[in-house]
Each structure stands twice: as C-alpha cells, then as structure tokens.
C-alpha cells in the first residue's frame, strides 16, 4: 500500500480509471458481438448498425482504450464480414 500522499491519490485515480476502462471495453465487446449476430441473421439491419460500431471503435481509439491501428483493423474486418 502507498504511504506517500501523492501515491495514495494516484492509486485512487487508477482504481477509478480501471473501472471506467473495464466498462468501456465490455461495451465495445458487446456491440461487436451484437453486430456479428446481426450479420449472420439480418444483413440490412447489420448495415445500419455498422455506423454505430464504427463510432464506438473511433471513440475507443480516441481515448486510448485501444490503439488507433487496432480500431482500423477491426473496422476493416467487420465490414468485410458484411460482404
């Protein structure tokens, strides 16, 4: 456990940020999973839903939840699933 005051604050921040990051990552995974289900069942709905998936990926890359290249790679692969 930290002893220094600034280290205690850093620990609190890390705990708070970890909680937020885990939630964001779970949301991202669920939205991708939902898109993959739509692709297999309903292509028209999946095409409309793709914009939401792109938005979520871009936001995740913007806040450094995932790297920019991973976001673009996922976008490419997910759009290829539709074709």
C-alpha atoms as a PDB file:
ATOM      1  CA  UNK A   1       0.000   0.000   0.000  1.00  0.00           C
ATOM      2  CA  UNK A   2       1.211   3.513  -0.775  1.00  0.00           C
ATOM      3  CA  UNK A   3       2.490   5.653   2.050  1.00  0.00           C
ATOM      4  CA  UNK A   4       3.099   8.976   0.314  1.00  0.00           C
ATOM      5  CA  UNK A   5       0.070  11.230  -0.157  1.00  0.00           C
ATOM      6  CA  UNK A   6       0.529  11.595  -3.939  1.00  0.00           C
ATOM      7  CA  UNK A   7       0.863   7.828  -4.313  1.00  0.00           C
ATOM      8  CA  UNK A   8      -2.404   7.335  -2.414  1.00  0.00           C
ATOM      9  CA  UNK A   9      -4.129   9.763  -4.765  1.00  0.00           C
ATOM     10  CA  UNK A  10      -2.612   8.020  -7.800  1.00  0.00           C
ATOM     11  CA  UNK A  11      -3.945   4.697  -6.520  1.00  0.00           C
ATOM     12  CA  UNK A  12      -7.443   6.171  -6.160  1.00  0.00           C
ATOM     13  CA  UNK A  13      -7.249   7.544  -9.694  1.00  0.00           C
ATOM     14  CA  UNK A  14      -6.044   4.213 -11.069  1.00  0.00           C
ATOM     15  CA  UNK A  15      -8.898   2.338  -9.411  1.00  0.00           C
ATOM     16  CA  UNK A  16     -11.440   4.824 -10.774  1.00  0.00           C
ATOM     17  CA  UNK A  17      -9.978   4.750 -14.284  1.00  0.00           C
ATOM     18  CA  UNK A  18      -9.735   0.959 -14.305  1.00  0.00           C
ATOM     19  CA  UNK A  19     -13.436   0.680 -13.501  1.00  0.00           C
ATOM     20  CA  UNK A  20     -14.311   3.073 -16.332  1.00  0.00           C
ATOM     21  CA  UNK A  21     -11.990   1.331 -18.798  1.00  0.00           C
ATOM     22  CA  UNK A  22     -13.368  -2.116 -17.990  1.00  0.00           C
ATOM     23  CA  UNK A  23     -16.915  -0.868 -18.590  1.00  0.00           C
ATOM     24  CA  UNK A  24     -15.952   0.765 -21.882  1.00  0.00           C
ATOM     25  CA  UNK A  25     -14.139  -2.358 -23.032  1.00  0.00           C
ATOM     26  CA  UNK A  26     -17.124  -4.543 -22.134  1.00  0.00           C
ATOM     27  CA  UNK A  27     -19.455  -2.194 -24.043  1.00  0.00           C
ATOM     28  CA  UNK A  28     -17.188  -2.350 -27.064  1.00  0.00           C
ATOM     29  CA  UNK A  29     -17.054  -6.149 -26.996  1.00  0.00           C
ATOM     30  CA  UNK A  30     -20.824  -6.432 -26.627  1.00  0.00           C
ATOM     31  CA  UNK A  31     -21.518  -4.053 -29.513  1.00  0.00           C
ATOM     32  CA  UNK A  32     -19.153  -6.041 -31.759  1.00  0.00           C
ATOM     33  CA  UNK A  33     -20.765  -9.305 -30.671  1.00  0.00           C
ATOM     34  CA  UNK A  34     -24.224  -7.924 -31.399  1.00  0.00           C
ATOM     35  CA  UNK A  35     -23.068  -6.776 -34.852  1.00  0.00           C
ATOM     36  CA  UNK A  36     -21.703 -10.246 -35.650  1.00  0.00           C
ATOM     37  CA  UNK A  37     -25.065 -11.779 -34.714  1.00  0.00           C
ATOM     38  CA  UNK A  38     -26.839  -9.314 -36.996  1.00  0.00           C
ATOM     39  CA  UNK A  39     -24.520 -10.145 -39.884  1.00  0.00           C
ATOM     40  CA  UNK A  40     -25.386 -13.812 -39.632  1.00  0.00           C
ATOM     41  CA  UNK A  41     -29.126 -13.209 -39.370  1.00  0.00           C
ATOM     42  CA  UNK A  42     -30.103  -9.882 -40.960  1.00  0.00           C
ATOM     43  CA  UNK A  43     -27.772  -8.110 -43.408  1.00  0.00           C
ATOM     44  CA  UNK A  44     -29.892  -4.957 -43.791  1.00  0.00           C
ATOM     45  CA  UNK A  45     -30.007  -4.307 -40.053  1.00  0.00           C
ATOM     46  CA  UNK A  46     -26.292  -5.059 -39.809  1.00  0.00           C
ATOM     47  CA  UNK A  47     -25.534  -2.469 -42.485  1.00  0.00           C
ATOM     48  CA  UNK A  48     -27.365   0.194 -40.443  1.00  0.00           C
ATOM     49  CA  UNK A  49     -25.720  -0.952 -37.209  1.00  0.00           C
ATOM     50  CA  UNK A  50     -22.223  -0.766 -38.718  1.00  0.00           C
ATOM     51  CA  UNK A  51     -22.138   3.030 -38.278  1.00  0.00           C
ATOM     52  CA  UNK A  52     -22.684   2.632 -34.529  1.00  0.00           C
ATOM     53  CA  UNK A  53     -19.902   0.065 -34.342  1.00  0.00           C
ATOM     54  CA  UNK A  54     -17.565   2.430 -36.218  1.00  0.00           C
ATOM     55  CA  UNK A  55     -18.456   5.257 -33.861  1.00  0.00           C
ATOM     56  CA  UNK A  56     -17.732   3.133 -30.793  1.00  0.00           C
ATOM     57  CA  UNK A  57     -14.394   1.974 -32.231  1.00  0.00           C
ATOM     58  CA  UNK A  58     -13.335   5.510 -33.101  1.00  0.00           C
ATOM     59  CA  UNK A  59     -14.241   6.812 -29.659  1.00  0.00           C
ATOM     60  CA  UNK A  60     -12.342   3.939 -28.034  1.00  0.00           C
ATOM     61  CA  UNK A  61      -9.253   4.749 -30.083  1.00  0.00           C
ATOM     62  CA  UNK A  62      -9.597   8.450 -29.282  1.00  0.00           C
ATOM     63  CA  UNK A  63      -9.492   7.878 -25.517  1.00  0.00           C
ATOM     64  CA  UNK A  64      -6.668   5.318 -25.897  1.00  0.00           C
ATOM     65  CA  UNK A  65      -8.772   2.376 -24.797  1.00  0.00           C
ATOM     66  CA  UNK A  66      -7.498   0.577 -27.871  1.00  0.00           C
ATOM     67  CA  UNK A  67      -4.809   1.621 -30.321  1.00  0.00           C
ATOM     68  CA  UNK A  68      -5.703   3.509 -33.471  1.00  0.00           C
ATOM     69  CA  UNK A  69      -4.438   0.725 -35.715  1.00  0.00           C
ATOM     70  CA  UNK A  70      -6.486  -1.906 -33.880  1.00  0.00           C
ATOM     71  CA  UNK A  71      -9.609   0.189 -34.370  1.00  0.00           C
ATOM     72  CA  UNK A  72      -8.991   0.486 -38.098  1.00  0.00           C
ATOM     73  CA  UNK A  73      -8.164  -3.221 -38.355  1.00  0.00           C
ATOM     74  CA  UNK A  74     -11.408  -4.157 -36.596  1.00  0.00           C
ATOM     75  CA  UNK A  75     -13.393  -1.772 -38.781  1.00  0.00           C
ATOM     76  CA  UNK A  76     -11.916  -3.387 -41.865  1.00  0.00           C
ATOM     77  CA  UNK A  77     -12.600  -6.922 -40.695  1.00  0.00           C
ATOM     78  CA  UNK A  78     -16.138  -6.142 -39.563  1.00  0.00           C
ATOM     79  CA  UNK A  79     -17.019  -4.505 -42.862  1.00  0.00           C
ATOM     80  CA  UNK A  80     -15.543  -7.493 -44.708  1.00  0.00           C
ATOM     81  CA  UNK A  81     -17.941  -9.750 -42.774  1.00  0.00           C
ATOM     82  CA  UNK A  82     -20.856  -7.885 -44.308  1.00  0.00           C
ATOM     83  CA  UNK A  83     -19.703  -8.524 -47.887  1.00  0.00           C
END
